[in-house]
Amino acid sequence: MAMTVAPPATAADPRVREFFQHLATDRGASEYTQRNYRQALTEFGAWHQQERAGAPVWEKLQRDDFRGYLRFLGRQRIGRASIQLRFSALRTFYRFLMRRGAVESSPIKNIPMPKQEKRLPRFLTSDQIGALMKAPLLLKSEPRKGPGRRPDPGVPLRDAAMLETIYSCGLRISEVCGLRVEDVDLGEQLVRVRGKGKKVRLVPIGAPA
């Protein structure tokens, strides 16, 4: 039987609220990450409410609780990647609780997860990359259709530069959106990138970008 999600199991939990404040402010986690983590904690709270007849008290949960949750997810035929994502959120939450001194150790540590199926990576061909890089500039040359304000001619150039920078530097979309003018050293052909967890790294940037 499918689990009924019950947001009140975690929505009013002060530990959970502190955790998401930490993700947003201290770690600078993306909205996508925050959404996934919130869903994972909410679903675990709903499972605990249904199976244990009460909201989870994180400081008192044991290893067997999470083993039971893992078995439940397996019975729901949830994919390996989805299970890994849920437990990744729970592990991150418990690391937060450990740093705050709320728990001494994580009850999830060393619980074996279903192994991820090995898949070959999907990639674009050289021709596809070339077409992608040219797409914004092709849009620039198209005549205006219908009423309305003429689009800013600089937008296609901006989009082409962003695509070339993503490709040249191997950046995430959030990383290229967060670049500042002072982050680009044209003389040294280097870019200062702020990645996940507010980590900063220097990457080379090609002349076309």
C-alpha atoms as a PDB file:
ATOM      1  CA  MET A   1       0.000   0.000   0.000  1.00  0.00           C
ATOM      2  CA  ALA A   2       1.343   3.444  -0.890  1.00  0.00           C
ATOM      3  CA  MET A   3       2.411   5.693   1.939  1.00  0.00           C
ATOM      4  CA  THR A   4       0.288   8.733   2.693  1.00  0.00           C
ATOM      5  CA  VAL A   5       2.546  11.771   3.066  1.00  0.00           C
ATOM      6  CA  ALA A   6       1.838  13.701   6.232  1.00  0.00           C
ATOM      7  CA  PRO A   7       3.759  16.991   6.248  1.00  0.00           C
ATOM      8  CA  PRO A   8       2.902  17.831   9.916  1.00  0.00           C
ATOM      9  CA  ALA A   9       5.227  15.002  11.008  1.00  0.00           C
ATOM     10  CA  THR A  10       8.235  17.207  10.212  1.00  0.00           C
ATOM     11  CA  ALA A  11       6.897  20.650   9.285  1.00  0.00           C
ATOM     12  CA  ALA A  12       6.673  21.769  12.922  1.00  0.00           C
ATOM     13  CA  ASP A  13       9.916  20.079  13.990  1.00  0.00           C
ATOM     14  CA  PRO A  14      12.410  22.744  15.211  1.00  0.00           C
ATOM     15  CA  ARG A  15      15.381  20.540  14.275  1.00  0.00           C
ATOM     16  CA  VAL A  16      14.139  20.309  10.694  1.00  0.00           C
ATOM     17  CA  ARG A  17      13.550  24.064  10.502  1.00  0.00           C
ATOM     18  CA  GLU A  18      17.083  24.749  11.760  1.00  0.00           C
ATOM     19  CA  PHE A  19      18.464  22.295   9.216  1.00  0.00           C
ATOM     20  CA  PHE A  20      16.832  24.055   6.270  1.00  0.00           C
ATOM     21  CA  GLN A  21      17.929  27.445   7.542  1.00  0.00           C
ATOM     22  CA  HIS A  22      21.457  26.014   7.613  1.00  0.00           C
ATOM     23  CA  LEU A  23      21.127  24.674   4.051  1.00  0.00           C
ATOM     24  CA  ALA A  24      19.883  28.006   2.720  1.00  0.00           C
ATOM     25  CA  THR A  25      22.232  30.368   4.564  1.00  0.00           C
ATOM     26  CA  ASP A  26      25.395  28.503   5.581  1.00  0.00           C
ATOM     27  CA  ARG A  27      25.693  26.020   2.730  1.00  0.00           C
ATOM     28  CA  GLY A  28      24.008  28.029  -0.001  1.00  0.00           C
ATOM     29  CA  ALA A  29      22.146  24.925  -1.208  1.00  0.00           C
ATOM     30  CA  SER A  30      20.092  25.345  -4.364  1.00  0.00           C
ATOM     31  CA  GLU A  31      16.300  25.424  -4.270  1.00  0.00           C
ATOM     32  CA  TYR A  32      16.360  22.067  -6.064  1.00  0.00           C
ATOM     33  CA  THR A  33      18.480  20.500  -3.293  1.00  0.00           C
ATOM     34  CA  GLN A  34      16.349  22.039  -0.557  1.00  0.00           C
ATOM     35  CA  ARG A  35      13.181  20.751  -2.219  1.00  0.00           C
ATOM     36  CA  ASN A  36      14.544  17.213  -2.538  1.00  0.00           C
ATOM     37  CA  TYR A  37      15.794  17.142   1.056  1.00  0.00           C
ATOM     38  CA  ARG A  38      12.524  18.518   2.364  1.00  0.00           C
ATOM     39  CA  GLN A  39      10.579  15.858   0.476  1.00  0.00           C
ATOM     40  CA  ALA A  40      12.893  13.115   1.803  1.00  0.00           C
ATOM     41  CA  LEU A  41      12.491  14.175   5.443  1.00  0.00           C
ATOM     42  CA  THR A  42       8.746  14.623   5.015  1.00  0.00           C
ATOM     43  CA  GLU A  43       8.352  11.148   3.516  1.00  0.00           C
ATOM     44  CA  PHE A  44      10.397   9.575   6.292  1.00  0.00           C
ATOM     45  CA  GLY A  45       8.284  11.434   8.852  1.00  0.00           C
ATOM     46  CA  ALA A  46       5.108  10.160   7.198  1.00  0.00           C
ATOM     47  CA  TRP A  47       6.443   6.595   7.225  1.00  0.00           C
ATOM     48  CA  HIS A  48       7.394   6.871  10.894  1.00  0.00           C
ATOM     49  CA  GLN A  49       3.996   8.332  11.767  1.00  0.00           C
ATOM     50  CA  GLN A  50       2.287   5.431  10.036  1.00  0.00           C
ATOM     51  CA  GLU A  51       4.566   2.609  11.200  1.00  0.00           C
ATOM     52  CA  ARG A  52       5.510   3.859  14.680  1.00  0.00           C
ATOM     53  CA  ALA A  53       2.361   5.846  15.498  1.00  0.00           C
ATOM     54  CA  GLY A  54       4.207   9.093  16.136  1.00  0.00           C
ATOM     55  CA  ALA A  55       6.464  11.749  14.691  1.00  0.00           C
ATOM     56  CA  PRO A  56      10.167  10.834  14.646  1.00  0.00           C
ATOM     57  CA  VAL A  57      12.285  11.911  17.600  1.00  0.00           C
ATOM     58  CA  TRP A  58      15.569  12.149  15.724  1.00  0.00           C
ATOM     59  CA  GLU A  59      17.763  11.862  18.809  1.00  0.00           C
ATOM     60  CA  LYS A  60      16.199   8.515  19.752  1.00  0.00           C
ATOM     61  CA  LEU A  61      15.996   6.781  16.384  1.00  0.00           C
ATOM     62  CA  GLN A  62      18.031   3.601  16.031  1.00  0.00           C
ATOM     63  CA  ARG A  63      19.688   1.777  13.181  1.00  0.00           C
ATOM     64  CA  ASP A  64      16.763  -0.672  12.966  1.00  0.00           C
ATOM     65  CA  ASP A  65      14.380   2.217  12.294  1.00  0.00           C
ATOM     66  CA  PHE A  66      16.243   3.107   9.127  1.00  0.00           C
ATOM     67  CA  ARG A  67      16.652  -0.518   8.125  1.00  0.00           C
ATOM     68  CA  GLY A  68      12.875  -0.825   8.383  1.00  0.00           C
ATOM     69  CA  TYR A  69      12.441   2.280   6.249  1.00  0.00           C
ATOM     70  CA  LEU A  70      14.848   0.875   3.669  1.00  0.00           C
ATOM     71  CA  ARG A  71      12.863  -2.365   3.492  1.00  0.00           C
ATOM     72  CA  PHE A  72       9.661  -0.350   3.095  1.00  0.00           C
ATOM     73  CA  LEU A  73      11.118   1.587   0.157  1.00  0.00           C
ATOM     74  CA  GLY A  74      12.211  -1.681  -1.434  1.00  0.00           C
ATOM     75  CA  ARG A  75       8.676  -3.060  -1.211  1.00  0.00           C
ATOM     76  CA  GLN A  76       7.388   0.055  -2.964  1.00  0.00           C
ATOM     77  CA  ARG A  77       9.613  -0.773  -5.938  1.00  0.00           C
ATOM     78  CA  ILE A  78      11.302   2.606  -5.691  1.00  0.00           C
ATOM     79  CA  GLY A  79      14.400   2.873  -7.893  1.00  0.00           C
ATOM     80  CA  ARG A  80      17.903   2.625  -6.500  1.00  0.00           C
ATOM     81  CA  ALA A  81      18.726   6.229  -7.354  1.00  0.00           C
ATOM     82  CA  SER A  82      15.617   7.483  -5.532  1.00  0.00           C
ATOM     83  CA  ILE A  83      16.479   5.435  -2.440  1.00  0.00           C
ATOM     84  CA  GLN A  84      20.043   6.757  -2.512  1.00  0.00           C
ATOM     85  CA  LEU A  85      18.720  10.322  -2.741  1.00  0.00           C
ATOM     86  CA  ARG A  86      16.418   9.854   0.265  1.00  0.00           C
ATOM     87  CA  PHE A  87      19.197   8.438   2.421  1.00  0.00           C
ATOM     88  CA  SER A  88      21.643  11.081   1.255  1.00  0.00           C
ATOM     89  CA  ALA A  89      19.255  13.702   2.642  1.00  0.00           C
ATOM     90  CA  LEU A  90      18.903  11.787   5.914  1.00  0.00           C
ATOM     91  CA  ARG A  91      22.696  11.410   6.251  1.00  0.00           C
ATOM     92  CA  THR A  92      23.216  15.129   5.658  1.00  0.00           C
ATOM     93  CA  PHE A  93      20.570  15.897   8.281  1.00  0.00           C
ATOM     94  CA  TYR A  94      22.280  13.664  10.839  1.00  0.00           C
ATOM     95  CA  ARG A  95      25.672  15.224  10.135  1.00  0.00           C
ATOM     96  CA  PHE A  96      24.026  18.548  10.900  1.00  0.00           C
ATOM     97  CA  LEU A  97      22.615  17.156  14.174  1.00  0.00           C
ATOM     98  CA  MET A  98      26.052  15.820  15.122  1.00  0.00           C
ATOM     99  CA  ARG A  99      27.691  19.203  14.528  1.00  0.00           C
ATOM    100  CA  ARG A 100      25.038  20.816  16.700  1.00  0.00           C
ATOM    101  CA  GLY A 101      25.650  18.268  19.472  1.00  0.00           C
ATOM    102  CA  ALA A 102      22.122  16.872  19.281  1.00  0.00           C
ATOM    103  CA  VAL A 103      23.353  13.309  18.629  1.00  0.00           C
ATOM    104  CA  GLU A 104      26.691  11.601  19.192  1.00  0.00           C
ATOM    105  CA  SER A 105      26.628   9.441  16.072  1.00  0.00           C
ATOM    106  CA  SER A 106      24.521   8.774  13.010  1.00  0.00           C
ATOM    107  CA  PRO A 107      22.247   5.707  13.109  1.00  0.00           C
ATOM    108  CA  ILE A 108      22.438   5.600   9.300  1.00  0.00           C
ATOM    109  CA  LYS A 109      26.202   5.145   9.151  1.00  0.00           C
ATOM    110  CA  ASN A 110      27.313   2.096   7.155  1.00  0.00           C
ATOM    111  CA  ILE A 111      23.782   0.909   6.347  1.00  0.00           C
ATOM    112  CA  PRO A 112      24.282  -0.843   2.985  1.00  0.00           C
ATOM    113  CA  MET A 113      22.350   0.716   0.135  1.00  0.00           C
ATOM    114  CA  PRO A 114      21.141  -0.984  -3.051  1.00  0.00           C
ATOM    115  CA  LYS A 115      23.930  -0.799  -5.612  1.00  0.00           C
ATOM    116  CA  GLN A 116      23.409   1.622  -8.445  1.00  0.00           C
ATOM    117  CA  GLU A 117      23.194   0.109 -11.894  1.00  0.00           C
ATOM    118  CA  LYS A 118      26.157   1.009 -14.063  1.00  0.00           C
ATOM    119  CA  ARG A 119      25.175   3.026 -17.106  1.00  0.00           C
ATOM    120  CA  LEU A 120      27.233   4.551 -19.853  1.00  0.00           C
ATOM    121  CA  PRO A 121      27.196   8.359 -19.744  1.00  0.00           C
ATOM    122  CA  ARG A 122      25.128  10.179 -22.338  1.00  0.00           C
ATOM    123  CA  PHE A 123      26.907  12.932 -24.228  1.00  0.00           C
ATOM    124  CA  LEU A 124      26.507  15.311 -27.158  1.00  0.00           C
ATOM    125  CA  THR A 125      28.363  14.755 -30.396  1.00  0.00           C
ATOM    126  CA  SER A 126      30.700  17.402 -31.828  1.00  0.00           C
ATOM    127  CA  ASP A 127      28.059  18.367 -34.400  1.00  0.00           C
ATOM    128  CA  GLN A 128      25.410  18.730 -31.663  1.00  0.00           C
ATOM    129  CA  ILE A 129      27.729  20.926 -29.583  1.00  0.00           C
ATOM    130  CA  GLY A 130      28.436  23.109 -32.615  1.00  0.00           C
ATOM    131  CA  ALA A 131      24.714  23.496 -33.355  1.00  0.00           C
ATOM    132  CA  LEU A 132      24.006  24.356 -29.722  1.00  0.00           C
ATOM    133  CA  MET A 133      26.659  27.083 -29.683  1.00  0.00           C
ATOM    134  CA  LYS A 134      25.307  28.640 -32.893  1.00  0.00           C
ATOM    135  CA  ALA A 135      21.624  28.532 -31.852  1.00  0.00           C
ATOM    136  CA  PRO A 136      21.472  31.904 -29.981  1.00  0.00           C
ATOM    137  CA  LEU A 137      23.159  33.747 -32.856  1.00  0.00           C
ATOM    138  CA  LEU A 138      20.779  32.194 -35.377  1.00  0.00           C
ATOM    139  CA  LEU A 139      17.863  33.501 -33.326  1.00  0.00           C
ATOM    140  CA  LYS A 140      19.426  36.956 -33.449  1.00  0.00           C
ATOM    141  CA  SER A 141      19.234  36.998 -37.242  1.00  0.00           C
ATOM    142  CA  GLU A 142      15.571  35.985 -37.419  1.00  0.00           C
ATOM    143  CA  PRO A 143      13.159  38.786 -38.412  1.00  0.00           C
ATOM    144  CA  ARG A 144      10.690  40.068 -35.850  1.00  0.00           C
ATOM    145  CA  LYS A 145       7.281  38.391 -36.039  1.00  0.00           C
ATOM    146  CA  GLY A 146       4.090  39.993 -34.793  1.00  0.00           C
ATOM    147  CA  PRO A 147       3.581  43.089 -32.652  1.00  0.00           C
ATOM    148  CA  GLY A 148       5.614  43.954 -29.600  1.00  0.00           C
ATOM    149  CA  ARG A 149       8.926  45.455 -28.600  1.00  0.00           C
ATOM    150  CA  ARG A 150      11.989  44.399 -30.560  1.00  0.00           C
ATOM    151  CA  PRO A 151      14.131  42.095 -28.412  1.00  0.00           C
ATOM    152  CA  ASP A 152      17.439  43.356 -27.016  1.00  0.00           C
ATOM    153  CA  PRO A 153      20.108  42.484 -29.635  1.00  0.00           C
ATOM    154  CA  GLY A 154      22.588  41.782 -26.850  1.00  0.00           C
ATOM    155  CA  VAL A 155      20.571  38.871 -25.426  1.00  0.00           C
ATOM    156  CA  PRO A 156      21.611  36.297 -28.067  1.00  0.00           C
ATOM    157  CA  LEU A 157      25.260  37.302 -27.599  1.00  0.00           C
ATOM    158  CA  ARG A 158      24.875  36.895 -23.835  1.00  0.00           C
ATOM    159  CA  ASP A 159      23.269  33.480 -24.260  1.00  0.00           C
ATOM    160  CA  ALA A 160      25.990  32.357 -26.673  1.00  0.00           C
ATOM    161  CA  ALA A 161      28.657  33.487 -24.205  1.00  0.00           C
ATOM    162  CA  MET A 162      26.951  31.602 -21.367  1.00  0.00           C
ATOM    163  CA  LEU A 163      26.731  28.385 -23.383  1.00  0.00           C
ATOM    164  CA  GLU A 164      30.366  28.662 -24.456  1.00  0.00           C
ATOM    165  CA  THR A 165      31.437  29.296 -20.841  1.00  0.00           C
ATOM    166  CA  ILE A 166      29.462  26.302 -19.554  1.00  0.00           C
ATOM    167  CA  TYR A 167      31.060  24.125 -22.233  1.00  0.00           C
ATOM    168  CA  SER A 168      34.561  25.560 -21.921  1.00  0.00           C
ATOM    169  CA  CYS A 169      34.753  25.494 -18.126  1.00  0.00           C
ATOM    170  CA  GLY A 170      32.519  22.515 -17.331  1.00  0.00           C
ATOM    171  CA  LEU A 171      30.204  24.595 -15.142  1.00  0.00           C
ATOM    172  CA  ARG A 172      26.789  23.938 -13.687  1.00  0.00           C
ATOM    173  CA  ILE A 173      24.025  26.329 -14.727  1.00  0.00           C
ATOM    174  CA  SER A 174      23.868  27.752 -11.198  1.00  0.00           C
ATOM    175  CA  GLU A 175      27.621  28.367 -11.290  1.00  0.00           C
ATOM    176  CA  VAL A 176      27.612  30.314 -14.542  1.00  0.00           C
ATOM    177  CA  CYS A 177      24.617  32.339 -13.326  1.00  0.00           C
ATOM    178  CA  GLY A 178      26.587  33.242 -10.190  1.00  0.00           C
ATOM    179  CA  LEU A 179      29.665  34.534 -12.027  1.00  0.00           C
ATOM    180  CA  ARG A 180      30.691  38.137 -11.488  1.00  0.00           C
ATOM    181  CA  VAL A 181      32.761  40.369 -13.750  1.00  0.00           C
ATOM    182  CA  GLU A 182      35.673  40.300 -11.311  1.00  0.00           C
ATOM    183  CA  ASP A 183      35.651  36.495 -11.340  1.00  0.00           C
ATOM    184  CA  VAL A 184      36.978  36.423 -14.927  1.00  0.00           C
ATOM    185  CA  ASP A 185      40.720  36.978 -15.383  1.00  0.00           C
ATOM    186  CA  LEU A 186      41.106  37.505 -19.133  1.00  0.00           C
ATOM    187  CA  GLY A 187      44.890  37.859 -18.909  1.00  0.00           C
ATOM    188  CA  GLU A 188      45.399  34.492 -17.200  1.00  0.00           C
ATOM    189  CA  GLN A 189      42.332  32.946 -18.864  1.00  0.00           C
ATOM    190  CA  LEU A 190      41.000  31.756 -15.501  1.00  0.00           C
ATOM    191  CA  VAL A 191      37.563  31.921 -13.887  1.00  0.00           C
ATOM    192  CA  ARG A 192      36.837  31.882 -10.160  1.00  0.00           C
ATOM    193  CA  VAL A 193      33.812  29.611  -9.671  1.00  0.00           C
ATOM    194  CA  ARG A 194      31.640  29.318  -6.562  1.00  0.00           C
ATOM    195  CA  GLY A 195      30.349  25.772  -6.478  1.00  0.00           C
ATOM    196  CA  LYS A 196      28.145  23.668  -4.230  1.00  0.00           C
ATOM    197  CA  GLY A 197      28.664  24.211  -0.527  1.00  0.00           C
ATOM    198  CA  LYS A 198      30.210  27.655  -1.279  1.00  0.00           C
ATOM    199  CA  LYS A 199      33.442  25.986  -2.417  1.00  0.00           C
ATOM    200  CA  VAL A 200      35.593  28.185  -4.649  1.00  0.00           C
ATOM    201  CA  ARG A 201      37.797  26.834  -7.448  1.00  0.00           C
ATOM    202  CA  LEU A 202      39.787  28.268 -10.370  1.00  0.00           C
ATOM    203  CA  VAL A 203      39.137  26.798 -13.821  1.00  0.00           C
ATOM    204  CA  PRO A 204      40.666  27.659 -17.209  1.00  0.00           C
ATOM    205  CA  ILE A 205      38.467  29.361 -19.775  1.00  0.00           C
ATOM    206  CA  GLY A 206      39.022  29.069 -23.520  1.00  0.00           C
ATOM    207  CA  ALA A 207      39.568  32.026 -25.836  1.00  0.00           C
ATOM    208  CA  PRO A 208      36.183  31.650 -27.629  1.00  0.00           C
ATOM    209  CA  ALA A 209      34.318  31.927 -24.316  1.00  0.00           C
END
